[in-house]
N, C-alpha and C. Protein backbone atom coordinates (compact mmCIF):
# COMPACT_ATOMS: atom_id res chain seq x y z
N MET A 1 28.79 -41.51 -5.05
CA MET A 1 28.88 -40.95 -3.72
C MET A 1 29.94 -41.67 -2.88
N ASN A 2 30.05 -42.98 -3.06
CA ASN A 2 31.02 -43.75 -2.31
C ASN A 2 32.44 -43.34 -2.70
N ASN A 3 32.69 -43.08 -3.99
CA ASN A 3 34.01 -42.64 -4.42
C ASN A 3 34.35 -41.27 -3.83
N PHE A 4 33.37 -40.40 -3.73
CA PHE A 4 33.59 -39.07 -3.19
C PHE A 4 34.07 -39.16 -1.73
N ILE A 5 33.44 -39.99 -0.95
CA ILE A 5 33.83 -40.17 0.46
C ILE A 5 35.24 -40.76 0.55
N THR A 6 35.55 -41.67 -0.33
CA THR A 6 36.88 -42.27 -0.36
C THR A 6 37.93 -41.21 -0.69
N TYR A 7 37.66 -40.36 -1.67
CA TYR A 7 38.60 -39.30 -2.04
C TYR A 7 38.80 -38.31 -0.90
N ILE A 8 37.72 -37.94 -0.23
CA ILE A 8 37.83 -37.02 0.90
C ILE A 8 38.69 -37.65 2.01
N PHE A 9 38.47 -38.92 2.28
CA PHE A 9 39.24 -39.62 3.30
C PHE A 9 40.72 -39.69 2.93
N ILE A 10 41.03 -39.96 1.67
CA ILE A 10 42.42 -40.01 1.21
C ILE A 10 43.08 -38.64 1.34
N ILE A 11 42.38 -37.59 0.95
CA ILE A 11 42.92 -36.24 1.07
C ILE A 11 43.19 -35.91 2.54
N PHE A 12 42.27 -36.27 3.41
CA PHE A 12 42.43 -36.06 4.85
C PHE A 12 43.68 -36.78 5.37
N MET A 13 43.89 -38.03 4.96
CA MET A 13 45.05 -38.80 5.39
C MET A 13 46.35 -38.20 4.86
N VAL A 14 46.34 -37.73 3.63
CA VAL A 14 47.55 -37.15 3.04
C VAL A 14 47.94 -35.87 3.77
N ILE A 15 46.96 -35.03 4.09
CA ILE A 15 47.25 -33.76 4.77
C ILE A 15 47.84 -34.02 6.15
N PHE A 16 47.21 -34.88 6.95
CA PHE A 16 47.70 -35.12 8.30
C PHE A 16 48.98 -35.94 8.29
N GLY A 17 49.14 -36.84 7.34
CA GLY A 17 50.40 -37.57 7.21
C GLY A 17 51.53 -36.64 6.82
N GLY A 18 51.24 -35.68 5.98
CA GLY A 18 52.25 -34.71 5.57
C GLY A 18 52.68 -33.83 6.74
N PHE A 19 51.72 -33.42 7.59
CA PHE A 19 52.05 -32.60 8.74
C PHE A 19 52.96 -33.36 9.71
N SER A 20 52.64 -34.61 9.98
CA SER A 20 53.45 -35.36 10.93
C SER A 20 54.84 -35.64 10.36
N THR A 21 54.92 -35.94 9.07
CA THR A 21 56.22 -36.17 8.43
C THR A 21 57.05 -34.90 8.44
N LEU A 22 56.44 -33.78 8.13
CA LEU A 22 57.15 -32.50 8.13
C LEU A 22 57.66 -32.18 9.53
N TYR A 23 56.86 -32.45 10.55
CA TYR A 23 57.28 -32.20 11.93
C TYR A 23 58.52 -33.01 12.29
N VAL A 24 58.53 -34.29 11.93
CA VAL A 24 59.68 -35.14 12.24
C VAL A 24 60.90 -34.69 11.46
N VAL A 25 60.73 -34.37 10.19
CA VAL A 25 61.85 -33.97 9.34
C VAL A 25 62.48 -32.66 9.84
N VAL A 26 61.67 -31.75 10.36
CA VAL A 26 62.19 -30.47 10.84
C VAL A 26 62.71 -30.58 12.27
N SER A 27 61.98 -31.23 13.15
CA SER A 27 62.32 -31.20 14.57
C SER A 27 63.54 -32.06 14.91
N LEU A 28 63.75 -33.15 14.22
CA LEU A 28 64.87 -34.03 14.56
C LEU A 28 66.22 -33.34 14.34
N PRO A 29 66.50 -32.78 13.17
CA PRO A 29 67.79 -32.09 12.99
C PRO A 29 67.93 -30.87 13.91
N VAL A 30 66.84 -30.14 14.14
CA VAL A 30 66.91 -28.97 15.03
C VAL A 30 67.28 -29.40 16.44
N THR A 31 66.70 -30.48 16.92
CA THR A 31 67.01 -30.98 18.26
C THR A 31 68.47 -31.42 18.36
N ILE A 32 68.95 -32.11 17.35
CA ILE A 32 70.34 -32.58 17.36
C ILE A 32 71.31 -31.39 17.34
N ILE A 33 71.04 -30.41 16.48
CA ILE A 33 71.90 -29.24 16.40
C ILE A 33 71.87 -28.46 17.71
N TYR A 34 70.70 -28.34 18.33
CA TYR A 34 70.58 -27.63 19.60
C TYR A 34 71.37 -28.32 20.69
N LYS A 35 71.31 -29.65 20.73
CA LYS A 35 72.05 -30.39 21.75
C LYS A 35 73.56 -30.24 21.55
N ILE A 36 74.02 -30.27 20.30
CA ILE A 36 75.45 -30.08 20.02
C ILE A 36 75.88 -28.67 20.41
N TYR A 37 75.05 -27.68 20.12
CA TYR A 37 75.34 -26.30 20.48
C TYR A 37 75.48 -26.16 21.99
N ARG A 38 74.54 -26.74 22.74
CA ARG A 38 74.60 -26.65 24.21
C ARG A 38 75.83 -27.38 24.76
N LYS A 39 76.23 -28.47 24.10
CA LYS A 39 77.42 -29.21 24.53
C LYS A 39 78.66 -28.34 24.35
N ILE A 40 78.77 -27.68 23.21
CA ILE A 40 79.94 -26.86 22.93
C ILE A 40 79.95 -25.60 23.79
N LYS A 41 78.82 -24.93 23.87
CA LYS A 41 78.75 -23.63 24.56
C LYS A 41 78.81 -23.76 26.08
N PHE A 42 78.07 -24.71 26.65
CA PHE A 42 77.94 -24.81 28.09
C PHE A 42 78.55 -26.07 28.69
N GLY A 43 78.99 -27.00 27.86
CA GLY A 43 79.61 -28.22 28.35
C GLY A 43 78.62 -29.18 28.98
N GLU A 44 77.33 -29.10 28.64
CA GLU A 44 76.33 -30.00 29.20
C GLU A 44 76.37 -31.36 28.52
N LYS A 45 75.86 -32.35 29.23
CA LYS A 45 75.79 -33.69 28.64
C LYS A 45 74.78 -33.67 27.49
N ILE A 46 75.06 -34.46 26.48
CA ILE A 46 74.15 -34.54 25.33
C ILE A 46 72.91 -35.34 25.69
N LEU A 47 73.08 -36.41 26.43
CA LEU A 47 71.91 -37.24 26.79
C LEU A 47 71.47 -36.95 28.20
């Protein structure tokens, strides 16, 4: 029973860790590309 709880906890951590990693991997390049696009198109400051 103790191993079962450990496995459930590990699966839970992997799923939520994967979601947060996926969010960072996708959102960071999108944000950078969006800022560069706005700089070129509208001449706004990047920062």
